[in-house]
Amino acid sequence: MDELGNPISFLLSGSQIHDSNTALSRLETIDIHGSRIITDRAYGWEEIREYIIQHHATCVIPPKRNTKTDWYLYKQRHLVEFFFHKLKQFRRIATRYDKLAFCFFAFIHIAAIAILLK
């Protein structure tokens, strides 16, 4: 997501794969130089943090519950949560009617376009 909450790219992974396993491959496709990467604790792996720092970006990921972070920056992650909430307003996405991954992924793109055109 960019600073306005608009999606930059999508990645559809299997249901048995945790999202943080695909985070590095997703970050490699995006120019993150000078950006702030805001995520939740699930993406707090050391490898992800090192990659972000090596590419001169700011890492806003709370590693543990007892670690302090810039709360104002971390709070901006609500843009991502709001976008997923808007996606789930489409019944076909929320209930996953499509049996084939490429059909489901195509409808996610169509729904995102509809959201962005509003």
PDB file of N, CA and C in Angstrom:
ATOM      1  N   MET A   1       0.841  -1.178   0.000  1.00  0.00           N
ATOM      2  CA  MET A   1       0.000   0.000   0.000  1.00  0.00           C
ATOM      3  C   MET A   1       0.886   1.240   0.000  1.00  0.00           C
ATOM      4  N   ASP A   2       0.414   2.250  -0.684  1.00  0.00           N
ATOM      5  CA  ASP A   2       1.131   3.505  -0.649  1.00  0.00           C
ATOM      6  C   ASP A   2       0.616   4.348   0.518  1.00  0.00           C
ATOM      7  N   GLU A   3       1.053   5.602   0.592  1.00  0.00           N
ATOM      8  CA  GLU A   3       0.673   6.433   1.735  1.00  0.00           C
ATOM      9  C   GLU A   3      -0.803   6.783   1.765  1.00  0.00           C
ATOM     10  N   LEU A   4      -1.509   6.586   0.651  1.00  0.00           N
ATOM     11  CA  LEU A   4      -2.944   6.851   0.612  1.00  0.00           C
ATOM     12  C   LEU A   4      -3.783   5.604   0.864  1.00  0.00           C
ATOM     13  N   GLY A   5      -3.137   4.463   1.021  1.00  0.00           N
ATOM     14  CA  GLY A   5      -3.856   3.221   1.249  1.00  0.00           C
ATOM     15  C   GLY A   5      -4.211   2.486  -0.024  1.00  0.00           C
ATOM     16  N   ASN A   6      -3.637   2.886  -1.147  1.00  0.00           N
ATOM     17  CA  ASN A   6      -3.891   2.218  -2.420  1.00  0.00           C
ATOM     18  C   ASN A   6      -2.934   1.046  -2.590  1.00  0.00           C
ATOM     19  N   PRO A   7      -3.401  -0.074  -3.116  1.00  0.00           N
ATOM     20  CA  PRO A   7      -2.519  -1.237  -3.258  1.00  0.00           C
ATOM     21  C   PRO A   7      -1.452  -1.011  -4.325  1.00  0.00           C
ATOM     22  N   ILE A   8      -0.259  -1.526  -4.060  1.00  0.00           N
ATOM     23  CA  ILE A   8       0.843  -1.456  -5.021  1.00  0.00           C
ATOM     24  C   ILE A   8       0.905  -2.746  -5.817  1.00  0.00           C
ATOM     25  N   SER A   9       0.755  -3.867  -5.130  1.00  0.00           N
ATOM     26  CA  SER A   9       0.753  -5.162  -5.808  1.00  0.00           C
ATOM     27  C   SER A   9       0.029  -6.183  -4.941  1.00  0.00           C
ATOM     28  N   PHE A  10      -0.319  -7.303  -5.560  1.00  0.00           N
ATOM     29  CA  PHE A  10      -0.994  -8.394  -4.868  1.00  0.00           C
ATOM     30  C   PHE A  10      -0.179  -9.672  -5.037  1.00  0.00           C
ATOM     31  N   LEU A  11      -0.307 -10.550  -4.082  1.00  0.00           N
ATOM     32  CA  LEU A  11       0.298 -11.875  -4.171  1.00  0.00           C
ATOM     33  C   LEU A  11      -0.672 -12.857  -3.546  1.00  0.00           C
ATOM     34  N   LEU A  12      -1.037 -13.869  -4.292  1.00  0.00           N
ATOM     35  CA  LEU A  12      -1.936 -14.902  -3.797  1.00  0.00           C
ATOM     36  C   LEU A  12      -1.093 -16.119  -3.443  1.00  0.00           C
ATOM     37  N   SER A  13      -1.133 -16.523  -2.178  1.00  0.00           N
ATOM     38  CA  SER A  13      -0.368 -17.690  -1.743  1.00  0.00           C
ATOM     39  C   SER A  13      -1.340 -18.756  -1.236  1.00  0.00           C
ATOM     40  N   GLY A  14      -0.819 -19.926  -1.025  1.00  0.00           N
ATOM     41  CA  GLY A  14      -1.645 -21.017  -0.532  1.00  0.00           C
ATOM     42  C   GLY A  14      -2.109 -20.768   0.889  1.00  0.00           C
ATOM     43  N   SER A  15      -3.196 -21.395   1.252  1.00  0.00           N
ATOM     44  CA  SER A  15      -3.741 -21.165   2.591  1.00  0.00           C
ATOM     45  C   SER A  15      -2.851 -21.742   3.680  1.00  0.00           C
ATOM     46  N   GLN A  16      -2.003 -22.695   3.356  1.00  0.00           N
ATOM     47  CA  GLN A  16      -1.133 -23.301   4.346  1.00  0.00           C
ATOM     48  C   GLN A  16       0.176 -22.536   4.521  1.00  0.00           C
ATOM     49  N   ILE A  17       0.415 -21.493   3.721  1.00  0.00           N
ATOM     50  CA  ILE A  17       1.644 -20.714   3.781  1.00  0.00           C
ATOM     51  C   ILE A  17       1.385 -19.431   4.545  1.00  0.00           C
ATOM     52  N   HIS A  18       2.221 -19.153   5.546  1.00  0.00           N
ATOM     53  CA  HIS A  18       2.074 -17.918   6.313  1.00  0.00           C
ATOM     54  C   HIS A  18       2.520 -16.740   5.459  1.00  0.00           C
ATOM     55  N   ASP A  19       1.853 -15.608   5.608  1.00  0.00           N
ATOM     56  CA  ASP A  19       2.147 -14.433   4.790  1.00  0.00           C
ATOM     57  C   ASP A  19       3.582 -13.957   4.921  1.00  0.00           C
ATOM     58  N   SER A  20       4.169 -14.089   6.103  1.00  0.00           N
ATOM     59  CA  SER A  20       5.526 -13.598   6.294  1.00  0.00           C
ATOM     60  C   SER A  20       6.548 -14.408   5.504  1.00  0.00           C
ATOM     61  N   ASN A  21       6.204 -15.624   5.081  1.00  0.00           N
ATOM     62  CA  ASN A  21       7.127 -16.418   4.267  1.00  0.00           C
ATOM     63  C   ASN A  21       7.311 -15.819   2.878  1.00  0.00           C
ATOM     64  N   THR A  22       6.345 -15.089   2.387  1.00  0.00           N
ATOM     65  CA  THR A  22       6.425 -14.496   1.056  1.00  0.00           C
ATOM     66  C   THR A  22       6.775 -13.014   1.099  1.00  0.00           C
ATOM     67  N   ALA A  23       7.013 -12.467   2.278  1.00  0.00           N
ATOM     68  CA  ALA A  23       7.249 -11.032   2.417  1.00  0.00           C
ATOM     69  C   ALA A  23       8.521 -10.582   1.704  1.00  0.00           C
ATOM     70  N   LEU A  24       9.604 -11.322   1.832  1.00  0.00           N
ATOM     71  CA  LEU A  24      10.856 -10.915   1.190  1.00  0.00           C
ATOM     72  C   LEU A  24      10.738 -10.918  -0.328  1.00  0.00           C
ATOM     73  N   SER A  25      10.105 -11.929  -0.889  1.00  0.00           N
ATOM     74  CA  SER A  25       9.947 -11.950  -2.344  1.00  0.00           C
ATOM     75  C   SER A  25       9.069 -10.799  -2.813  1.00  0.00           C
ATOM     76  N   ARG A  26       8.097 -10.395  -2.012  1.00  0.00           N
ATOM     77  CA  ARG A  26       7.229  -9.268  -2.365  1.00  0.00           C
ATOM     78  C   ARG A  26       7.999  -7.953  -2.258  1.00  0.00           C
ATOM     79  N   LEU A  27       8.821  -7.804  -1.215  1.00  0.00           N
ATOM     80  CA  LEU A  27       9.588  -6.570  -1.050  1.00  0.00           C
ATOM     81  C   LEU A  27      10.628  -6.402  -2.153  1.00  0.00           C
ATOM     82  N   GLU A  28      11.141  -7.507  -2.665  1.00  0.00           N
ATOM     83  CA  GLU A  28      12.154  -7.433  -3.721  1.00  0.00           C
ATOM     84  C   GLU A  28      11.596  -6.885  -5.026  1.00  0.00           C
ATOM     85  N   THR A  29      10.302  -6.944  -5.222  1.00  0.00           N
ATOM     86  CA  THR A  29       9.699  -6.453  -6.461  1.00  0.00           C
ATOM     87  C   THR A  29       9.340  -4.970  -6.390  1.00  0.00           C
ATOM     88  N   ILE A  30       9.507  -4.352  -5.221  1.00  0.00           N
ATOM     89  CA  ILE A  30       9.099  -2.965  -5.016  1.00  0.00           C
ATOM     90  C   ILE A  30      10.319  -2.142  -4.617  1.00  0.00           C
ATOM     91  N   ASP A  31      10.409  -0.922  -5.141  1.00  0.00           N
ATOM     92  CA  ASP A  31      11.479  -0.013  -4.728  1.00  0.00           C
ATOM     93  C   ASP A  31      11.096   0.598  -3.384  1.00  0.00           C
ATOM     94  N   ILE A  32      11.784   0.183  -2.327  1.00  0.00           N
ATOM     95  CA  ILE A  32      11.436   0.647  -0.985  1.00  0.00           C
ATOM     96  C   ILE A  32      12.401   1.700  -0.467  1.00  0.00           C
ATOM     97  N   HIS A  33      13.330   2.157  -1.273  1.00  0.00           N
ATOM     98  CA  HIS A  33      14.328   3.136  -0.852  1.00  0.00           C
ATOM     99  C   HIS A  33      13.641   4.390  -0.301  1.00  0.00           C
ATOM    100  N   GLY A  34      13.941   4.740   0.933  1.00  0.00           N
ATOM    101  CA  GLY A  34      13.379   5.925   1.565  1.00  0.00           C
ATOM    102  C   GLY A  34      11.950   5.775   2.055  1.00  0.00           C
ATOM    103  N   SER A  35      11.402   4.573   2.016  1.00  0.00           N
ATOM    104  CA  SER A  35      10.017   4.340   2.435  1.00  0.00           C
ATOM    105  C   SER A  35       9.939   3.946   3.904  1.00  0.00           C
ATOM    106  N   ARG A  36       8.737   3.959   4.425  1.00  0.00           N
ATOM    107  CA  ARG A  36       8.460   3.405   5.745  1.00  0.00           C
ATOM    108  C   ARG A  36       7.657   2.139   5.539  1.00  0.00           C
ATOM    109  N   ILE A  37       8.171   1.032   6.013  1.00  0.00           N
ATOM    110  CA  ILE A  37       7.490  -0.250   5.899  1.00  0.00           C
ATOM    111  C   ILE A  37       6.774  -0.487   7.222  1.00  0.00           C
ATOM    112  N   ILE A  38       5.443  -0.455   7.189  1.00  0.00           N
ATOM    113  CA  ILE A  38       4.620  -0.566   8.391  1.00  0.00           C
ATOM    114  C   ILE A  38       3.863  -1.883   8.327  1.00  0.00           C
ATOM    115  N   THR A  39       4.137  -2.774   9.262  1.00  0.00           N
ATOM    116  CA  THR A  39       3.443  -4.060   9.311  1.00  0.00           C
ATOM    117  C   THR A  39       3.146  -4.423  10.761  1.00  0.00           C
ATOM    118  N   ASP A  40       2.565  -5.587  10.954  1.00  0.00           N
ATOM    119  CA  ASP A  40       2.318  -6.043  12.313  1.00  0.00           C
ATOM    120  C   ASP A  40       3.416  -7.022  12.738  1.00  0.00           C
ATOM    121  N   ARG A  41       3.269  -7.583  13.909  1.00  0.00           N
ATOM    122  CA  ARG A  41       4.309  -8.436  14.496  1.00  0.00           C
ATOM    123  C   ARG A  41       4.619  -9.684  13.671  1.00  0.00           C
ATOM    124  N   ALA A  42       3.694 -10.152  12.890  1.00  0.00           N
ATOM    125  CA  ALA A  42       3.905 -11.367  12.107  1.00  0.00           C
ATOM    126  C   ALA A  42       5.063 -11.212  11.123  1.00  0.00           C
ATOM    127  N   TYR A  43       5.347  -9.983  10.727  1.00  0.00           N
ATOM    128  CA  TYR A  43       6.428  -9.725   9.775  1.00  0.00           C
ATOM    129  C   TYR A  43       7.696  -9.249  10.481  1.00  0.00           C
ATOM    130  N   GLY A  44       7.825  -9.496  11.750  1.00  0.00           N
ATOM    131  CA  GLY A  44       8.949  -9.013  12.534  1.00  0.00           C
ATOM    132  C   GLY A  44      10.188  -9.883  12.486  1.00  0.00           C
ATOM    133  N   TRP A  45      10.315 -10.736  11.505  1.00  0.00           N
ATOM    134  CA  TRP A  45      11.497 -11.598  11.403  1.00  0.00           C
ATOM    135  C   TRP A  45      12.737 -10.750  11.191  1.00  0.00           C
ATOM    136  N   GLU A  46      13.849 -11.225  11.699  1.00  0.00           N
ATOM    137  CA  GLU A  46      15.113 -10.505  11.583  1.00  0.00           C
ATOM    138  C   GLU A  46      15.543 -10.349  10.117  1.00  0.00           C
ATOM    139  N   GLU A  47      15.299 -11.359   9.283  1.00  0.00           N
ATOM    140  CA  GLU A  47      15.671 -11.273   7.867  1.00  0.00           C
ATOM    141  C   GLU A  47      14.912 -10.149   7.160  1.00  0.00           C
ATOM    142  N   ILE A  48      13.647  -9.996   7.502  1.00  0.00           N
ATOM    143  CA  ILE A  48      12.839  -8.943   6.891  1.00  0.00           C
ATOM    144  C   ILE A  48      13.340  -7.577   7.350  1.00  0.00           C
ATOM    145  N   ARG A  49      13.634  -7.452   8.633  1.00  0.00           N
ATOM    146  CA  ARG A  49      14.149  -6.189   9.163  1.00  0.00           C
ATOM    147  C   ARG A  49      15.475  -5.807   8.514  1.00  0.00           C
ATOM    148  N   GLU A  50      16.372  -6.779   8.385  1.00  0.00           N
ATOM    149  CA  GLU A  50      17.675  -6.511   7.784  1.00  0.00           C
ATOM    150  C   GLU A  50      17.533  -6.079   6.328  1.00  0.00           C
ATOM    151  N   TYR A  51      16.642  -6.723   5.591  1.00  0.00           N
ATOM    152  CA  TYR A  51      16.421  -6.354   4.196  1.00  0.00           C
ATOM    153  C   TYR A  51      15.933  -4.910   4.093  1.00  0.00           C
ATOM    154  N   ILE A  52      15.005  -4.538   4.948  1.00  0.00           N
ATOM    155  CA  ILE A  52      14.455  -3.179   4.921  1.00  0.00           C
ATOM    156  C   ILE A  52      15.538  -2.160   5.245  1.00  0.00           C
ATOM    157  N   ILE A  53      16.341  -2.431   6.254  1.00  0.00           N
ATOM    158  CA  ILE A  53      17.397  -1.504   6.658  1.00  0.00           C
ATOM    159  C   ILE A  53      18.472  -1.405   5.584  1.00  0.00           C
ATOM    160  N   GLN A  54      18.833  -2.521   4.962  1.00  0.00           N
ATOM    161  CA  GLN A  54      19.848  -2.506   3.906  1.00  0.00           C
ATOM    162  C   GLN A  54      19.420  -1.682   2.704  1.00  0.00           C
ATOM    163  N   HIS A  55      18.133  -1.566   2.473  1.00  0.00           N
ATOM    164  CA  HIS A  55      17.628  -0.783   1.347  1.00  0.00           C
ATOM    165  C   HIS A  55      17.226   0.630   1.762  1.00  0.00           C
ATOM    166  N   HIS A  56      17.775   1.106   2.866  1.00  0.00           N
ATOM    167  CA  HIS A  56      17.613   2.483   3.346  1.00  0.00           C
ATOM    168  C   HIS A  56      16.153   2.879   3.512  1.00  0.00           C
ATOM    169  N   ALA A  57      15.381   1.983   4.070  1.00  0.00           N
ATOM    170  CA  ALA A  57      13.983   2.259   4.387  1.00  0.00           C
ATOM    171  C   ALA A  57      13.818   2.195   5.908  1.00  0.00           C
ATOM    172  N   THR A  58      12.747   2.765   6.399  1.00  0.00           N
ATOM    173  CA  THR A  58      12.468   2.759   7.828  1.00  0.00           C
ATOM    174  C   THR A  58      11.574   1.571   8.151  1.00  0.00           C
ATOM    175  N   CYS A  59      11.956   0.846   9.175  1.00  0.00           N
ATOM    176  CA  CYS A  59      11.236  -0.356   9.584  1.00  0.00           C
ATOM    177  C   CYS A  59      10.351  -0.010  10.781  1.00  0.00           C
ATOM    178  N   VAL A  60       9.035  -0.073  10.608  1.00  0.00           N
ATOM    179  CA  VAL A  60       8.085   0.213  11.682  1.00  0.00           C
ATOM    180  C   VAL A  60       7.330  -1.078  11.970  1.00  0.00           C
ATOM    181  N   ILE A  61       8.039  -2.009  12.596  1.00  0.00           N
ATOM    182  CA  ILE A  61       7.466  -3.308  12.933  1.00  0.00           C
ATOM    183  C   ILE A  61       7.777  -3.572  14.401  1.00  0.00           C
ATOM    184  N   PRO A  62       6.777  -3.676  15.261  1.00  0.00           N
ATOM    185  CA  PRO A  62       7.077  -3.981  16.661  1.00  0.00           C
ATOM    186  C   PRO A  62       7.519  -5.439  16.792  1.00  0.00           C
ATOM    187  N   PRO A  63       8.734  -5.693  17.265  1.00  0.00           N
ATOM    188  CA  PRO A  63       9.217  -7.066  17.336  1.00  0.00           C
ATOM    189  C   PRO A  63       8.558  -7.892  18.436  1.00  0.00           C
ATOM    190  N   LYS A  64       8.331  -7.298  19.594  1.00  0.00           N
ATOM    191  CA  LYS A  64       7.735  -8.024  20.718  1.00  0.00           C
ATOM    192  C   LYS A  64       6.798  -7.082  21.455  1.00  0.00           C
ATOM    193  N   ARG A  65       6.008  -7.641  22.301  1.00  0.00           N
ATOM    194  CA  ARG A  65       5.059  -6.806  23.049  1.00  0.00           C
ATOM    195  C   ARG A  65       5.746  -5.811  23.976  1.00  0.00           C
ATOM    196  N   ASN A  66       6.903  -6.156  24.490  1.00  0.00           N
ATOM    197  CA  ASN A  66       7.569  -5.289  25.458  1.00  0.00           C
ATOM    198  C   ASN A  66       8.547  -4.314  24.802  1.00  0.00           C
ATOM    199  N   THR A  67       8.616  -4.267  23.471  1.00  0.00           N
ATOM    200  CA  THR A  67       9.519  -3.366  22.778  1.00  0.00           C
ATOM    201  C   THR A  67       8.772  -2.119  22.340  1.00  0.00           C
ATOM    202  N   LYS A  68       9.389  -0.976  22.546  1.00  0.00           N
ATOM    203  CA  LYS A  68       8.766   0.293  22.169  1.00  0.00           C
ATOM    204  C   LYS A  68       8.950   0.537  20.676  1.00  0.00           C
ATOM    205  N   THR A  69       7.954   1.141  20.047  1.00  0.00           N
ATOM    206  CA  THR A  69       8.021   1.518  18.640  1.00  0.00           C
ATOM    207  C   THR A  69       7.358   2.873  18.485  1.00  0.00           C
ATOM    208  N   ASP A  70       7.551   3.501  17.348  1.00  0.00           N
ATOM    209  CA  ASP A  70       6.923   4.788  17.074  1.00  0.00           C
ATOM    210  C   ASP A  70       5.434   4.531  16.843  1.00  0.00           C
ATOM    211  N   TRP A  71       4.622   4.731  17.871  1.00  0.00           N
ATOM    212  CA  TRP A  71       3.218   4.353  17.839  1.00  0.00           C
ATOM    213  C   TRP A  71       2.447   5.104  16.755  1.00  0.00           C
ATOM    214  N   TYR A  72       2.797   6.376  16.519  1.00  0.00           N
ATOM    215  CA  TYR A  72       2.082   7.144  15.508  1.00  0.00           C
ATOM    216  C   TYR A  72       2.277   6.523  14.121  1.00  0.00           C
ATOM    217  N   LEU A  73       3.508   6.152  13.784  1.00  0.00           N
ATOM    218  CA  LEU A  73       3.770   5.537  12.485  1.00  0.00           C
ATOM    219  C   LEU A  73       3.113   4.166  12.394  1.00  0.00           C
ATOM    220  N   TYR A  74       3.195   3.394  13.463  1.00  0.00           N
ATOM    221  CA  TYR A  74       2.615   2.053  13.447  1.00  0.00           C
ATOM    222  C   TYR A  74       1.099   2.104  13.310  1.00  0.00           C
ATOM    223  N   LYS A  75       0.508   3.154  13.832  1.00  0.00           N
ATOM    224  CA  LYS A  75      -0.939   3.298  13.774  1.00  0.00           C
ATOM    225  C   LYS A  75      -1.428   3.521  12.337  1.00  0.00           C
ATOM    226  N   GLN A  76      -0.549   3.951  11.439  1.00  0.00           N
ATOM    227  CA  GLN A  76      -0.942   4.183  10.055  1.00  0.00           C
ATOM    228  C   GLN A  76      -1.251   2.889   9.315  1.00  0.00           C
ATOM    229  N   ARG A  77      -0.972   1.756   9.905  1.00  0.00           N
ATOM    230  CA  ARG A  77      -1.272   0.488   9.250  1.00  0.00           C
ATOM    231  C   ARG A  77      -2.776   0.275   9.094  1.00  0.00           C
ATOM    232  N   HIS A  78      -3.579   1.127   9.728  1.00  0.00           N
ATOM    233  CA  HIS A  78      -5.023   1.007   9.581  1.00  0.00           C
ATOM    234  C   HIS A  78      -5.457   1.174   8.129  1.00  0.00           C
ATOM    235  N   LEU A  79      -4.639   1.849   7.300  1.00  0.00           N
ATOM    236  CA  LEU A  79      -4.975   1.979   5.885  1.00  0.00           C
ATOM    237  C   LEU A  79      -5.047   0.618   5.209  1.00  0.00           C
ATOM    238  N   VAL A  80      -4.138  -0.261   5.569  1.00  0.00           N
ATOM    239  CA  VAL A  80      -4.146  -1.613   5.019  1.00  0.00           C
ATOM    240  C   VAL A  80      -5.379  -2.362   5.514  1.00  0.00           C
ATOM    241  N   GLU A  81      -5.662  -2.257   6.808  1.00  0.00           N
ATOM    242  CA  GLU A  81      -6.821  -2.936   7.378  1.00  0.00           C
ATOM    243  C   GLU A  81      -8.115  -2.431   6.747  1.00  0.00           C
ATOM    244  N   PHE A  82      -8.215  -1.125   6.504  1.00  0.00           N
ATOM    245  CA  PHE A  82      -9.413  -0.572   5.870  1.00  0.00           C
ATOM    246  C   PHE A  82      -9.578  -1.095   4.457  1.00  0.00           C
ATOM    247  N   PHE A  83      -8.461  -1.235   3.723  1.00  0.00           N
ATOM    248  CA  PHE A  83      -8.571  -1.731   2.358  1.00  0.00           C
ATOM    249  C   PHE A  83      -9.067  -3.171   2.345  1.00  0.00           C
ATOM    250  N   PHE A  84      -8.543  -4.012   3.243  1.00  0.00           N
ATOM    251  CA  PHE A  84      -9.024  -5.393   3.299  1.00  0.00           C
ATOM    252  C   PHE A  84     -10.491  -5.447   3.724  1.00  0.00           C
ATOM    253  N   HIS A  85     -10.904  -4.547   4.592  1.00  0.00           N
ATOM    254  CA  HIS A  85     -12.312  -4.480   4.979  1.00  0.00           C
ATOM    255  C   HIS A  85     -13.177  -4.146   3.767  1.00  0.00           C
ATOM    256  N   LYS A  86     -12.718  -3.204   2.938  1.00  0.00           N
ATOM    257  CA  LYS A  86     -13.463  -2.851   1.737  1.00  0.00           C
ATOM    258  C   LYS A  86     -13.515  -4.022   0.760  1.00  0.00           C
ATOM    259  N   LEU A  87     -12.406  -4.771   0.650  1.00  0.00           N
ATOM    260  CA  LEU A  87     -12.401  -5.943  -0.234  1.00  0.00           C
ATOM    261  C   LEU A  87     -13.410  -6.985   0.231  1.00  0.00           C
ATOM    262  N   LYS A  88     -13.511  -7.166   1.527  1.00  0.00           N
ATOM    263  CA  LYS A  88     -14.409  -8.188   2.056  1.00  0.00           C
ATOM    264  C   LYS A  88     -15.878  -7.794   1.960  1.00  0.00           C
ATOM    265  N   GLN A  89     -16.154  -6.558   1.548  1.00  0.00           N
ATOM    266  CA  GLN A  89     -17.532  -6.164   1.296  1.00  0.00           C
ATOM    267  C   GLN A  89     -18.066  -6.846   0.040  1.00  0.00           C
ATOM    268  N   PHE A  90     -17.151  -7.296  -0.805  1.00  0.00           N
ATOM    269  CA  PHE A  90     -17.550  -8.068  -1.979  1.00  0.00           C
ATOM    270  C   PHE A  90     -17.776  -9.505  -1.521  1.00  0.00           C
ATOM    271  N   ARG A  91     -18.999  -9.941  -1.603  1.00  0.00           N
ATOM    272  CA  ARG A  91     -19.386 -11.251  -1.076  1.00  0.00           C
ATOM    273  C   ARG A  91     -18.568 -12.380  -1.685  1.00  0.00           C
ATOM    274  N   ARG A  92     -18.252 -12.250  -2.943  1.00  0.00           N
ATOM    275  CA  ARG A  92     -17.504 -13.293  -3.644  1.00  0.00           C
ATOM    276  C   ARG A  92     -16.102 -13.470  -3.058  1.00  0.00           C
ATOM    277  N   ILE A  93     -15.505 -12.395  -2.547  1.00  0.00           N
ATOM    278  CA  ILE A  93     -14.178 -12.487  -1.930  1.00  0.00           C
ATOM    279  C   ILE A  93     -14.297 -13.001  -0.509  1.00  0.00           C
ATOM    280  N   ALA A  94     -15.247 -12.471   0.243  1.00  0.00           N
ATOM    281  CA  ALA A  94     -15.390 -12.849   1.652  1.00  0.00           C
ATOM    282  C   ALA A  94     -15.693 -14.334   1.825  1.00  0.00           C
ATOM    283  N   THR A  95     -16.483 -14.899   0.915  1.00  0.00           N
ATOM    284  CA  THR A  95     -16.877 -16.303   1.053  1.00  0.00           C
ATOM    285  C   THR A  95     -16.052 -17.253   0.193  1.00  0.00           C
ATOM    286  N   ARG A  96     -15.184 -16.680  -0.640  1.00  0.00           N
ATOM    287  CA  ARG A  96     -14.297 -17.457  -1.522  1.00  0.00           C
ATOM    288  C   ARG A  96     -15.084 -18.474  -2.354  1.00  0.00           C
ATOM    289  N   TYR A  97     -16.021 -17.953  -3.150  1.00  0.00           N
ATOM    290  CA  TYR A  97     -16.834 -18.813  -4.006  1.00  0.00           C
ATOM    291  C   TYR A  97     -16.018 -19.475  -5.109  1.00  0.00           C
ATOM    292  N   ASP A  98     -15.016 -18.776  -5.619  1.00  0.00           N
ATOM    293  CA  ASP A  98     -14.230 -19.315  -6.724  1.00  0.00           C
ATOM    294  C   ASP A  98     -13.372 -20.471  -6.258  1.00  0.00           C
ATOM    295  N   LYS A  99     -13.419 -21.552  -6.976  1.00  0.00           N
ATOM    296  CA  LYS A  99     -12.615 -22.723  -6.608  1.00  0.00           C
ATOM    297  C   LYS A  99     -11.207 -22.643  -7.180  1.00  0.00           C
ATOM    298  N   LEU A 100     -11.046 -21.929  -8.277  1.00  0.00           N
ATOM    299  CA  LEU A 100      -9.739 -21.820  -8.906  1.00  0.00           C
ATOM    300  C   LEU A 100      -9.045 -20.543  -8.445  1.00  0.00           C
ATOM    301  N   ALA A 101      -7.767 -20.662  -8.135  1.00  0.00           N
ATOM    302  CA  ALA A 101      -7.010 -19.530  -7.603  1.00  0.00           C
ATOM    303  C   ALA A 101      -6.953 -18.369  -8.582  1.00  0.00           C
ATOM    304  N   PHE A 102      -6.794 -18.652  -9.885  1.00  0.00           N
ATOM    305  CA  PHE A 102      -6.667 -17.546 -10.835  1.00  0.00           C
ATOM    306  C   PHE A 102      -7.970 -16.778 -10.978  1.00  0.00           C
ATOM    307  N   CYS A 103      -9.112 -17.434 -10.806  1.00  0.00           N
ATOM    308  CA  CYS A 103     -10.403 -16.735 -10.842  1.00  0.00           C
ATOM    309  C   CYS A 103     -10.562 -15.843  -9.608  1.00  0.00           C
ATOM    310  N   PHE A 104     -10.204 -16.375  -8.458  1.00  0.00           N
ATOM    311  CA  PHE A 104     -10.283 -15.607  -7.215  1.00  0.00           C
ATOM    312  C   PHE A 104      -9.356 -14.394  -7.281  1.00  0.00           C
ATOM    313  N   PHE A 105      -8.126 -14.619  -7.761  1.00  0.00           N
ATOM    314  CA  PHE A 105      -7.133 -13.554  -7.859  1.00  0.00           C
ATOM    315  C   PHE A 105      -7.579 -12.487  -8.852  1.00  0.00           C
ATOM    316  N   ALA A 106      -8.189 -12.900  -9.942  1.00  0.00           N
ATOM    317  CA  ALA A 106      -8.692 -11.947 -10.936  1.00  0.00           C
ATOM    318  C   ALA A 106      -9.801 -11.093 -10.339  1.00  0.00           C
ATOM    319  N   PHE A 107     -10.678 -11.698  -9.549  1.00  0.00           N
ATOM    320  CA  PHE A 107     -11.755 -10.915  -8.945  1.00  0.00           C
ATOM    321  C   PHE A 107     -11.216  -9.966  -7.876  1.00  0.00           C
ATOM    322  N   ILE A 108     -10.139 -10.329  -7.199  1.00  0.00           N
ATOM    323  CA  ILE A 108      -9.515  -9.396  -6.251  1.00  0.00           C
ATOM    324  C   ILE A 108      -9.043  -8.152  -6.997  1.00  0.00           C
ATOM    325  N   HIS A 109      -8.444  -8.344  -8.159  1.00  0.00           N
ATOM    326  CA  HIS A 109      -8.009  -7.198  -8.960  1.00  0.00           C
ATOM    327  C   HIS A 109      -9.202  -6.348  -9.405  1.00  0.00           C
ATOM    328  N   ILE A 110     -10.266  -6.990  -9.833  1.00  0.00           N
ATOM    329  CA  ILE A 110     -11.457  -6.254 -10.262  1.00  0.00           C
ATOM    330  C   ILE A 110     -12.056  -5.477  -9.091  1.00  0.00           C
ATOM    331  N   ALA A 111     -12.126  -6.104  -7.918  1.00  0.00           N
ATOM    332  CA  ALA A 111     -12.657  -5.425  -6.732  1.00  0.00           C
ATOM    333  C   ALA A 111     -11.774  -4.248  -6.327  1.00  0.00           C
ATOM    334  N   ALA A 112     -10.454  -4.434  -6.409  1.00  0.00           N
ATOM    335  CA  ALA A 112      -9.548  -3.329  -6.073  1.00  0.00           C
ATOM    336  C   ALA A 112      -9.732  -2.153  -7.015  1.00  0.00           C
ATOM    337  N   ILE A 113      -9.911  -2.442  -8.290  1.00  0.00           N
ATOM    338  CA  ILE A 113     -10.147  -1.373  -9.258  1.00  0.00           C
ATOM    339  C   ILE A 113     -11.455  -0.647  -8.935  1.00  0.00           C
ATOM    340  N   ALA A 114     -12.486  -1.417  -8.594  1.00  0.00           N
ATOM    341  CA  ALA A 114     -13.776  -0.802  -8.242  1.00  0.00           C
ATOM    342  C   ALA A 114     -13.649   0.077  -7.002  1.00  0.00           C
ATOM    343  N   ILE A 115     -12.873  -0.367  -6.032  1.00  0.00           N
ATOM    344  CA  ILE A 115     -12.665   0.437  -4.815  1.00  0.00           C
ATOM    345  C   ILE A 115     -11.917   1.723  -5.135  1.00  0.00           C
ATOM    346  N   LEU A 116     -10.882   1.607  -5.970  1.00  0.00           N
ATOM    347  CA  LEU A 116     -10.074   2.773  -6.297  1.00  0.00           C
ATOM    348  C   LEU A 116     -10.809   3.773  -7.174  1.00  0.00           C
ATOM    349  N   LEU A 117     -11.789   3.309  -7.931  1.00  0.00           N
ATOM    350  CA  LEU A 117     -12.559   4.222  -8.790  1.00  0.00           C
ATOM    351  C   LEU A 117     -13.634   4.983  -8.033  1.00  0.00           C
ATOM    352  N   LYS A 118     -13.950   4.561  -6.827  1.00  0.00           N
ATOM    353  CA  LYS A 118     -14.983   5.247  -6.039  1.00  0.00           C
ATOM    354  C   LYS A 118     -14.514   6.612  -5.593  1.00  0.00           C
TER     355      LYS A 118
END
